[in-house]
C-alpha atoms as a PDB file:
ATOM      1  CA  MET A   1      19.269  -4.347 -26.051  1.00  0.00           C
ATOM      2  CA  SER A   2      16.877  -1.471 -25.394  1.00  0.00           C
ATOM      3  CA  GLU A   3      15.926  -0.823 -21.780  1.00  0.00           C
ATOM      4  CA  TYR A   4      12.475  -0.217 -20.314  1.00  0.00           C
ATOM      5  CA  LEU A   5      10.643   0.584 -17.089  1.00  0.00           C
ATOM      6  CA  LEU A   6       7.529  -1.091 -15.701  1.00  0.00           C
ATOM      7  CA  GLY A   7       4.877   0.779 -13.729  1.00  0.00           C
ATOM      8  CA  ILE A   8       2.152  -0.835 -11.614  1.00  0.00           C
ATOM      9  CA  ASP A   9      -0.996   1.020 -10.520  1.00  0.00           C
ATOM     10  CA  ASN A  10      -3.462  -0.478  -8.039  1.00  0.00           C
ATOM     11  CA  GLY A  11      -6.644   1.579  -7.882  1.00  0.00           C
ATOM     12  CA  ASN A  12      -9.935   0.707  -6.230  1.00  0.00           C
ATOM     13  CA  THR A  13     -11.209  -1.186  -9.288  1.00  0.00           C
ATOM     14  CA  ILE A  14      -8.325  -2.436 -11.454  1.00  0.00           C
ATOM     15  CA  SER A  15      -4.688  -3.460 -11.317  1.00  0.00           C
ATOM     16  CA  LYS A  16      -2.746  -2.029 -14.238  1.00  0.00           C
ATOM     17  CA  ALA A  17       0.757  -2.668 -15.536  1.00  0.00           C
ATOM     18  CA  ALA A  18       2.462  -0.560 -18.196  1.00  0.00           C
ATOM     19  CA  ILE A  19       5.848  -0.649 -19.893  1.00  0.00           C
ATOM     20  CA  PHE A  20       7.570   2.602 -20.864  1.00  0.00           C
ATOM     21  CA  ASP A  21      10.752   3.328 -22.735  1.00  0.00           C
ATOM     22  CA  LEU A  22      13.333   5.594 -21.139  1.00  0.00           C
ATOM     23  CA  GLU A  23      11.839   8.608 -22.927  1.00  0.00           C
ATOM     24  CA  GLY A  24       8.529   8.055 -21.170  1.00  0.00           C
ATOM     25  CA  ARG A  25       6.638   6.625 -24.162  1.00  0.00           C
ATOM     26  CA  GLU A  26       4.063   3.935 -23.326  1.00  0.00           C
ATOM     27  CA  ILE A  27       4.921   0.664 -25.066  1.00  0.00           C
ATOM     28  CA  GLN A  28       2.314  -1.735 -23.683  1.00  0.00           C
ATOM     29  CA  VAL A  29      -0.378  -1.720 -20.998  1.00  0.00           C
ATOM     30  CA  CYS A  30      -2.708  -4.379 -19.599  1.00  0.00           C
ATOM     31  CA  SER A  31      -5.084  -4.496 -16.640  1.00  0.00           C
ATOM     32  CA  ARG A  32      -7.147  -6.852 -14.516  1.00  0.00           C
ATOM     33  CA  GLN A  33     -10.287  -6.036 -12.576  1.00  0.00           C
ATOM     34  CA  VAL A  34     -10.141  -6.675  -8.833  1.00  0.00           C
ATOM     35  CA  LYS A  35     -13.439  -7.522  -7.144  1.00  0.00           C
ATOM     36  CA  SER A  36     -14.497  -5.488  -4.118  1.00  0.00           C
ATOM     37  CA  ASP A  37     -16.607  -6.964  -1.334  1.00  0.00           C
ATOM     38  CA  PHE A  38     -19.213  -5.147   0.748  1.00  0.00           C
ATOM     39  CA  PRO A  39     -19.860  -7.489   3.710  1.00  0.00           C
ATOM     40  CA  HIS A  40     -21.532  -4.779   5.831  1.00  0.00           C
ATOM     41  CA  LYS A  41     -22.932  -1.324   5.281  1.00  0.00           C
ATOM     42  CA  GLY A  42     -20.070   1.126   4.805  1.00  0.00           C
ATOM     43  CA  TRP A  43     -17.442  -1.598   4.341  1.00  0.00           C
ATOM     44  CA  THR A  44     -15.386  -1.797   1.143  1.00  0.00           C
ATOM     45  CA  GLU A  45     -12.674  -4.443   1.084  1.00  0.00           C
ATOM     46  CA  ARG A  46     -10.941  -6.988  -1.124  1.00  0.00           C
ATOM     47  CA  SER A  47      -8.974 -10.210  -0.907  1.00  0.00           C
ATOM     48  CA  MET A  48      -5.279  -9.406  -0.690  1.00  0.00           C
ATOM     49  CA  ASP A  49      -4.369 -12.736  -2.293  1.00  0.00           C
ATOM     50  CA  GLU A  50      -6.647 -12.005  -5.253  1.00  0.00           C
ATOM     51  CA  LEU A  51      -5.194  -8.503  -5.507  1.00  0.00           C
ATOM     52  CA  TRP A  52      -1.677  -9.890  -5.851  1.00  0.00           C
ATOM     53  CA  GLN A  53      -2.757 -12.597  -8.305  1.00  0.00           C
ATOM     54  CA  SER A  54      -4.541 -10.017 -10.498  1.00  0.00           C
ATOM     55  CA  THR A  55      -1.548  -7.699 -10.404  1.00  0.00           C
ATOM     56  CA  ALA A  56       0.888 -10.473 -11.260  1.00  0.00           C
ATOM     57  CA  ALA A  57      -1.342 -11.544 -14.160  1.00  0.00           C
ATOM     58  CA  ALA A  58      -1.470  -7.977 -15.499  1.00  0.00           C
ATOM     59  CA  VAL A  59       2.329  -7.717 -15.350  1.00  0.00           C
ATOM     60  CA  LYS A  60       2.793 -11.053 -17.099  1.00  0.00           C
ATOM     61  CA  GLU A  61       0.313 -10.204 -19.866  1.00  0.00           C
ATOM     62  CA  THR A  62       1.987  -6.838 -20.419  1.00  0.00           C
ATOM     63  CA  LEU A  63       5.380  -8.476 -20.800  1.00  0.00           C
ATOM     64  CA  ASP A  64       4.057 -11.258 -23.044  1.00  0.00           C
ATOM     65  CA  ASN A  65       2.190  -8.859 -25.334  1.00  0.00           C
ATOM     66  CA  SER A  66       5.090  -6.441 -25.619  1.00  0.00           C
ATOM     67  CA  GLY A  67       7.610  -8.987 -26.836  1.00  0.00           C
ATOM     68  CA  ILE A  68      10.150  -7.396 -24.497  1.00  0.00           C
ATOM     69  CA  LYS A  69      12.481  -9.739 -22.664  1.00  0.00           C
ATOM     70  CA  PRO A  70      12.266  -9.663 -18.850  1.00  0.00           C
ATOM     71  CA  GLU A  71      15.947  -8.704 -18.650  1.00  0.00           C
ATOM     72  CA  GLN A  72      15.186  -5.506 -20.573  1.00  0.00           C
ATOM     73  CA  ILE A  73      13.060  -4.203 -17.684  1.00  0.00           C
ATOM     74  CA  ILE A  74      15.600  -2.316 -15.586  1.00  0.00           C
ATOM     75  CA  GLY A  75      13.272  -1.082 -12.851  1.00  0.00           C
ATOM     76  CA  VAL A  76       9.754  -1.338 -11.446  1.00  0.00           C
ATOM     77  CA  GLY A  77       7.715   1.402  -9.768  1.00  0.00           C
ATOM     78  CA  THR A  78       4.410   1.085  -7.930  1.00  0.00           C
ATOM     79  CA  THR A  79       1.565   3.435  -7.155  1.00  0.00           C
ATOM     80  CA  GLY A  80      -1.985   2.998  -5.897  1.00  0.00           C
ATOM     81  CA  HIS A  81      -4.921   4.528  -4.128  1.00  0.00           C
ATOM     82  CA  GLY A  82      -3.983   6.369  -0.970  1.00  0.00           C
ATOM     83  CA  ASN A  83      -5.172   5.386   2.495  1.00  0.00           C
ATOM     84  CA  GLY A  84      -7.249   2.352   3.311  1.00  0.00           C
ATOM     85  CA  ILE A  85      -5.115  -0.322   4.939  1.00  0.00           C
ATOM     86  CA  TYR A  86      -3.483  -3.612   3.910  1.00  0.00           C
ATOM     87  CA  LEU A  87      -2.227  -5.597   6.897  1.00  0.00           C
ATOM     88  CA  ILE A  88       0.168  -8.511   6.902  1.00  0.00           C
ATOM     89  CA  ASP A  89       0.562 -10.700   9.960  1.00  0.00           C
ATOM     90  CA  LYS A  90       3.684 -11.728  11.829  1.00  0.00           C
ATOM     91  CA  GLU A  91       4.111 -14.660   9.427  1.00  0.00           C
ATOM     92  CA  GLY A  92       4.079 -12.345   6.419  1.00  0.00           C
ATOM     93  CA  LYS A  93       0.609 -13.357   5.227  1.00  0.00           C
ATOM     94  CA  PRO A  94      -2.513 -11.173   4.863  1.00  0.00           C
ATOM     95  CA  ALA A  95      -3.957 -10.575   8.337  1.00  0.00           C
ATOM     96  CA  ARG A  96      -7.453  -9.908   6.970  1.00  0.00           C
ATOM     97  CA  ALA A  97      -9.032  -8.537   3.808  1.00  0.00           C
ATOM     98  CA  GLY A  98      -7.551  -5.280   2.561  1.00  0.00           C
ATOM     99  CA  ILE A  99      -9.647  -2.222   3.392  1.00  0.00           C
ATOM    100  CA  GLN A 100     -10.062   0.285   0.564  1.00  0.00           C
ATOM    101  CA  SER A 101     -10.117   4.065   0.633  1.00  0.00           C
ATOM    102  CA  LEU A 102     -13.895   4.089   0.044  1.00  0.00           C
ATOM    103  CA  ASP A 103     -14.553   2.438   3.423  1.00  0.00           C
ATOM    104  CA  SER A 104     -16.499   4.286   6.125  1.00  0.00           C
ATOM    105  CA  ARG A 105     -16.682   1.778   8.996  1.00  0.00           C
ATOM    106  CA  ALA A 106     -14.587   4.039  11.246  1.00  0.00           C
ATOM    107  CA  ALA A 107     -16.841   7.106  10.849  1.00  0.00           C
ATOM    108  CA  ASP A 108     -18.025   6.932  14.459  1.00  0.00           C
ATOM    109  CA  ILE A 109     -14.440   6.823  15.695  1.00  0.00           C
ATOM    110  CA  VAL A 110     -13.519   9.958  13.761  1.00  0.00           C
ATOM    111  CA  ASP A 111     -16.697  11.688  14.968  1.00  0.00           C
ATOM    112  CA  GLY A 112     -15.724  10.857  18.549  1.00  0.00           C
ATOM    113  CA  TRP A 113     -12.208  12.138  18.050  1.00  0.00           C
ATOM    114  CA  ASN A 114     -13.555  15.397  16.649  1.00  0.00           C
ATOM    115  CA  ARG A 115     -15.977  15.814  19.565  1.00  0.00           C
ATOM    116  CA  ASN A 116     -13.045  15.355  21.935  1.00  0.00           C
ATOM    117  CA  SER A 117     -10.928  17.942  20.080  1.00  0.00           C
ATOM    118  CA  LEU A 118      -8.320  15.447  18.897  1.00  0.00           C
ATOM    119  CA  HIS A 119      -8.051  17.348  15.635  1.00  0.00           C
ATOM    120  CA  ASP A 120      -6.414  20.290  17.411  1.00  0.00           C
ATOM    121  CA  LYS A 121      -3.943  17.942  19.105  1.00  0.00           C
ATOM    122  CA  VAL A 122      -2.899  16.015  16.006  1.00  0.00           C
ATOM    123  CA  PHE A 123      -2.956  18.777  13.384  1.00  0.00           C
ATOM    124  CA  PRO A 124       0.502  20.131  14.344  1.00  0.00           C
ATOM    125  CA  PHE A 125       1.868  16.677  13.465  1.00  0.00           C
ATOM    126  CA  THR A 126      -0.291  15.716  10.466  1.00  0.00           C
ATOM    127  CA  THR A 127      -1.326  19.100   8.949  1.00  0.00           C
ATOM    128  CA  GLN A 128      -4.547  17.498   7.690  1.00  0.00           C
ATOM    129  CA  ALA A 129      -8.103  16.656   8.697  1.00  0.00           C
ATOM    130  CA  MET A 130      -8.954  13.115   9.777  1.00  0.00           C
ATOM    131  CA  TRP A 131     -11.423  10.955   7.856  1.00  0.00           C
ATOM    132  CA  PRO A 132     -12.746   7.384   8.232  1.00  0.00           C
ATOM    133  CA  ALA A 133     -10.636   5.529   5.654  1.00  0.00           C
ATOM    134  CA  GLN A 134      -7.302   6.747   6.986  1.00  0.00           C
ATOM    135  CA  PRO A 135      -5.148   4.086   8.642  1.00  0.00           C
ATOM    136  CA  ASN A 136      -5.228   5.819  12.042  1.00  0.00           C
ATOM    137  CA  ALA A 137      -9.025   5.485  12.228  1.00  0.00           C
ATOM    138  CA  LEU A 138      -9.060   1.994  10.706  1.00  0.00           C
ATOM    139  CA  LEU A 139      -6.420   0.748  13.140  1.00  0.00           C
ATOM    140  CA  ALA A 140      -8.438   2.134  16.040  1.00  0.00           C
ATOM    141  CA  TRP A 141     -11.540   0.390  14.666  1.00  0.00           C
ATOM    142  CA  ILE A 142      -9.683  -2.920  14.296  1.00  0.00           C
ATOM    143  CA  LYS A 143      -8.276  -2.611  17.809  1.00  0.00           C
ATOM    144  CA  GLN A 144     -11.805  -2.195  19.182  1.00  0.00           C
ATOM    145  CA  ASN A 145     -13.684  -4.637  16.952  1.00  0.00           C
ATOM    146  CA  GLU A 146     -11.159  -7.227  15.757  1.00  0.00           C
ATOM    147  CA  PRO A 147      -8.666  -7.504  18.637  1.00  0.00           C
ATOM    148  CA  GLU A 148      -7.458 -10.922  17.486  1.00  0.00           C
ATOM    149  CA  VAL A 149      -6.469  -9.388  14.117  1.00  0.00           C
ATOM    150  CA  TYR A 150      -4.865  -6.393  15.829  1.00  0.00           C
ATOM    151  CA  GLN A 151      -2.656  -8.673  17.936  1.00  0.00           C
ATOM    152  CA  ARG A 152      -1.440 -10.509  14.816  1.00  0.00           C
ATOM    153  CA  ILE A 153      -0.425  -7.403  12.840  1.00  0.00           C
ATOM    154  CA  GLY A 154       3.107  -7.675  11.547  1.00  0.00           C
ATOM    155  CA  ALA A 155       3.115  -4.669   9.209  1.00  0.00           C
ATOM    156  CA  VAL A 156       0.783  -1.803   8.298  1.00  0.00           C
ATOM    157  CA  LEU A 157       0.918  -1.212   4.542  1.00  0.00           C
ATOM    158  CA  MET A 158      -0.735   0.856   1.850  1.00  0.00           C
ATOM    159  CA  VAL A 159      -1.942  -0.918  -1.292  1.00  0.00           C
ATOM    160  CA  LYS A 160       1.154  -0.182  -3.382  1.00  0.00           C
ATOM    161  CA  ASP A 161       3.375  -1.237  -0.488  1.00  0.00           C
ATOM    162  CA  TYR A 162       1.638  -4.607  -0.256  1.00  0.00           C
ATOM    163  CA  ILE A 163       2.291  -5.215  -3.956  1.00  0.00           C
ATOM    164  CA  LYS A 164       5.881  -4.062  -3.470  1.00  0.00           C
ATOM    165  CA  TYR A 165       6.144  -6.519  -0.561  1.00  0.00           C
ATOM    166  CA  CYS A 166       4.818  -9.319  -2.800  1.00  0.00           C
ATOM    167  CA  LEU A 167       7.445  -8.429  -5.398  1.00  0.00           C
ATOM    168  CA  THR A 168      10.426  -8.088  -3.071  1.00  0.00           C
ATOM    169  CA  GLY A 169       9.650  -9.550   0.361  1.00  0.00           C
ATOM    170  CA  GLU A 170      10.636  -6.170   1.857  1.00  0.00           C
ATOM    171  CA  VAL A 171       8.378  -4.074   4.124  1.00  0.00           C
ATOM    172  CA  THR A 172       8.636  -0.399   3.162  1.00  0.00           C
ATOM    173  CA  SER A 173       6.527   2.632   2.378  1.00  0.00           C
ATOM    174  CA  ASP A 174       7.408   6.062   1.023  1.00  0.00           C
ATOM    175  CA  TYR A 175       6.992   9.603   2.287  1.00  0.00           C
ATOM    176  CA  THR A 176       4.206  10.560  -0.128  1.00  0.00           C
ATOM    177  CA  ASP A 177       1.886   7.731   0.907  1.00  0.00           C
ATOM    178  CA  MET A 178       2.607   7.835   4.629  1.00  0.00           C
ATOM    179  CA  SER A 179       2.236  11.616   4.741  1.00  0.00           C
ATOM    180  CA  GLY A 180      -1.483  11.187   3.985  1.00  0.00           C
ATOM    181  CA  THR A 181      -2.232   8.587   6.670  1.00  0.00           C
ATOM    182  CA  SER A 182      -2.304  10.830   9.780  1.00  0.00           C
ATOM    183  CA  LEU A 183       0.241   8.413  11.297  1.00  0.00           C
ATOM    184  CA  MET A 184       3.283  10.566  10.602  1.00  0.00           C
ATOM    185  CA  ASP A 185       4.785  13.799  11.844  1.00  0.00           C
ATOM    186  CA  VAL A 186       4.978  15.213   8.334  1.00  0.00           C
ATOM    187  CA  ARG A 187       6.930  18.325   9.251  1.00  0.00           C
ATOM    188  CA  ASN A 188       9.765  16.241  10.666  1.00  0.00           C
ATOM    189  CA  LYS A 189       9.301  13.342   8.213  1.00  0.00           C
ATOM    190  CA  CYS A 190       9.124  10.692  10.908  1.00  0.00           C
ATOM    191  CA  TYR A 191       6.750   8.676  13.056  1.00  0.00           C
ATOM    192  CA  SER A 192       5.846  10.178  16.429  1.00  0.00           C
ATOM    193  CA  ASP A 193       5.187   8.163  19.585  1.00  0.00           C
ATOM    194  CA  GLU A 194       3.305  11.157  20.969  1.00  0.00           C
ATOM    195  CA  LEU A 195       0.983  11.245  17.966  1.00  0.00           C
ATOM    196  CA  LEU A 196       0.304   7.504  18.126  1.00  0.00           C
ATOM    197  CA  SER A 197      -0.441   7.765  21.849  1.00  0.00           C
ATOM    198  CA  ILE A 198      -3.113  10.375  21.152  1.00  0.00           C
ATOM    199  CA  TYR A 199      -4.940   7.744  19.068  1.00  0.00           C
ATOM    200  CA  ASP A 200      -4.236   5.016  21.678  1.00  0.00           C
ATOM    201  CA  LEU A 201      -2.134   3.263  19.035  1.00  0.00           C
ATOM    202  CA  ALA A 202       1.309   3.442  20.641  1.00  0.00           C
ATOM    203  CA  ASP A 203       1.598  -0.349  20.521  1.00  0.00           C
ATOM    204  CA  ILE A 204       1.346  -0.342  16.717  1.00  0.00           C
ATOM    205  CA  ARG A 205       4.624   1.570  16.306  1.00  0.00           C
ATOM    206  CA  PRO A 206       6.841  -1.516  15.658  1.00  0.00           C
ATOM    207  CA  THR A 207       4.605  -2.541  12.745  1.00  0.00           C
ATOM    208  CA  LEU A 208       4.851   0.724  10.818  1.00  0.00           C
ATOM    209  CA  PRO A 209       7.003   0.302   7.709  1.00  0.00           C
ATOM    210  CA  LYS A 210      10.379   1.822   7.061  1.00  0.00           C
ATOM    211  CA  VAL A 211       9.852   5.015   5.040  1.00  0.00           C
ATOM    212  CA  ILE A 212      12.053   5.715   2.026  1.00  0.00           C
ATOM    213  CA  ASN A 213      12.053   8.144  -0.878  1.00  0.00           C
ATOM    214  CA  SER A 214       9.933   7.277  -3.900  1.00  0.00           C
ATOM    215  CA  PHE A 215      13.007   6.875  -6.107  1.00  0.00           C
ATOM    216  CA  GLU A 216      15.034   4.733  -3.697  1.00  0.00           C
ATOM    217  CA  ILE A 217      15.356   1.012  -4.315  1.00  0.00           C
ATOM    218  CA  ALA A 218      13.112  -0.820  -1.851  1.00  0.00           C
ATOM    219  CA  GLY A 219      14.165  -4.320  -2.871  1.00  0.00           C
ATOM    220  CA  LYS A 220      14.543  -6.688  -5.800  1.00  0.00           C
ATOM    221  CA  VAL A 221      12.156  -9.130  -7.441  1.00  0.00           C
ATOM    222  CA  THR A 222      12.270 -12.470  -5.642  1.00  0.00           C
ATOM    223  CA  PRO A 223      12.361 -15.868  -7.389  1.00  0.00           C
ATOM    224  CA  GLU A 224       8.737 -16.481  -6.374  1.00  0.00           C
ATOM    225  CA  ALA A 225       7.581 -13.119  -7.718  1.00  0.00           C
ATOM    226  CA  ALA A 226       9.575 -13.671 -10.918  1.00  0.00           C
ATOM    227  CA  ARG A 227       7.690 -16.917 -11.548  1.00  0.00           C
ATOM    228  CA  ALA A 228       4.335 -15.199 -10.933  1.00  0.00           C
ATOM    229  CA  THR A 229       4.946 -12.089 -13.036  1.00  0.00           C
ATOM    230  CA  GLY A 230       7.449 -13.068 -15.698  1.00  0.00           C
ATOM    231  CA  LEU A 231       9.858 -10.380 -14.471  1.00  0.00           C
ATOM    232  CA  ALA A 232      13.520 -11.240 -14.135  1.00  0.00           C
ATOM    233  CA  GLU A 233      14.687 -12.213 -10.667  1.00  0.00           C
ATOM    234  CA  GLY A 234      16.690  -9.377  -9.124  1.00  0.00           C
ATOM    235  CA  THR A 235      14.958  -6.541 -11.008  1.00  0.00           C
ATOM    236  CA  PRO A 236      15.050  -3.424  -8.761  1.00  0.00           C
ATOM    237  CA  VAL A 237      11.769  -2.127  -7.348  1.00  0.00           C
ATOM    238  CA  VAL A 238      11.640   1.473  -6.105  1.00  0.00           C
ATOM    239  CA  GLY A 239       9.670   3.004  -3.239  1.00  0.00           C
ATOM    240  CA  GLY A 240       6.811   4.249  -5.393  1.00  0.00           C
ATOM    241  CA  LEU A 241       4.337   6.980  -4.539  1.00  0.00           C
ATOM    242  CA  PHE A 242       0.803   8.013  -3.664  1.00  0.00           C
ATOM    243  CA  ASP A 243      -1.305   8.184  -6.845  1.00  0.00           C
END
């Protein structure tokens, strides 16, 4: 039998699934729109359950329309919009709605950090400017405004990592995505307790995901995910990357 790869892309508006042959030719692609909510000025968020359901539906439709057998898919890769934040709680369920990269609720926090010269302190670690939809600012906002959610955080994920978690049950991220979050010492490719303390987020350290390379296997499709997507149980899923 011929072998194929499946790619999943979760942007701010749609969830897309595409099948490619091993030469990189697109065989089939399908997508589902994912509704965004705007509960307050500057907020842009979405239901994490609906995000997974839409993604699973796109994968299933792509497989069904292609005529390719699930066993012919030899690997799955994920990508998605960078930044924003998708939190799961200590029970492995969504802790709140996912926050997208268009969100600006933490603008005042970033302004305060800049007034207090935090940029100069964190730049040697992050090598980037801070902005409101980065996880560092959003975590600080949640700590201040939703302390009950903050206390229940089990894992801090990016959008592609949440979908990867739904597929495999494993909590991981990759270096490309985490390097853009201002939560990592990018020069040393690791998390830094000193950096997190500057943000007053030292207590979030245990919830930050294991970081792997984009091409490394993060886990395998679970029986539950196989039923939802039509993929074969045990199909490898790799670390993925920032879009």
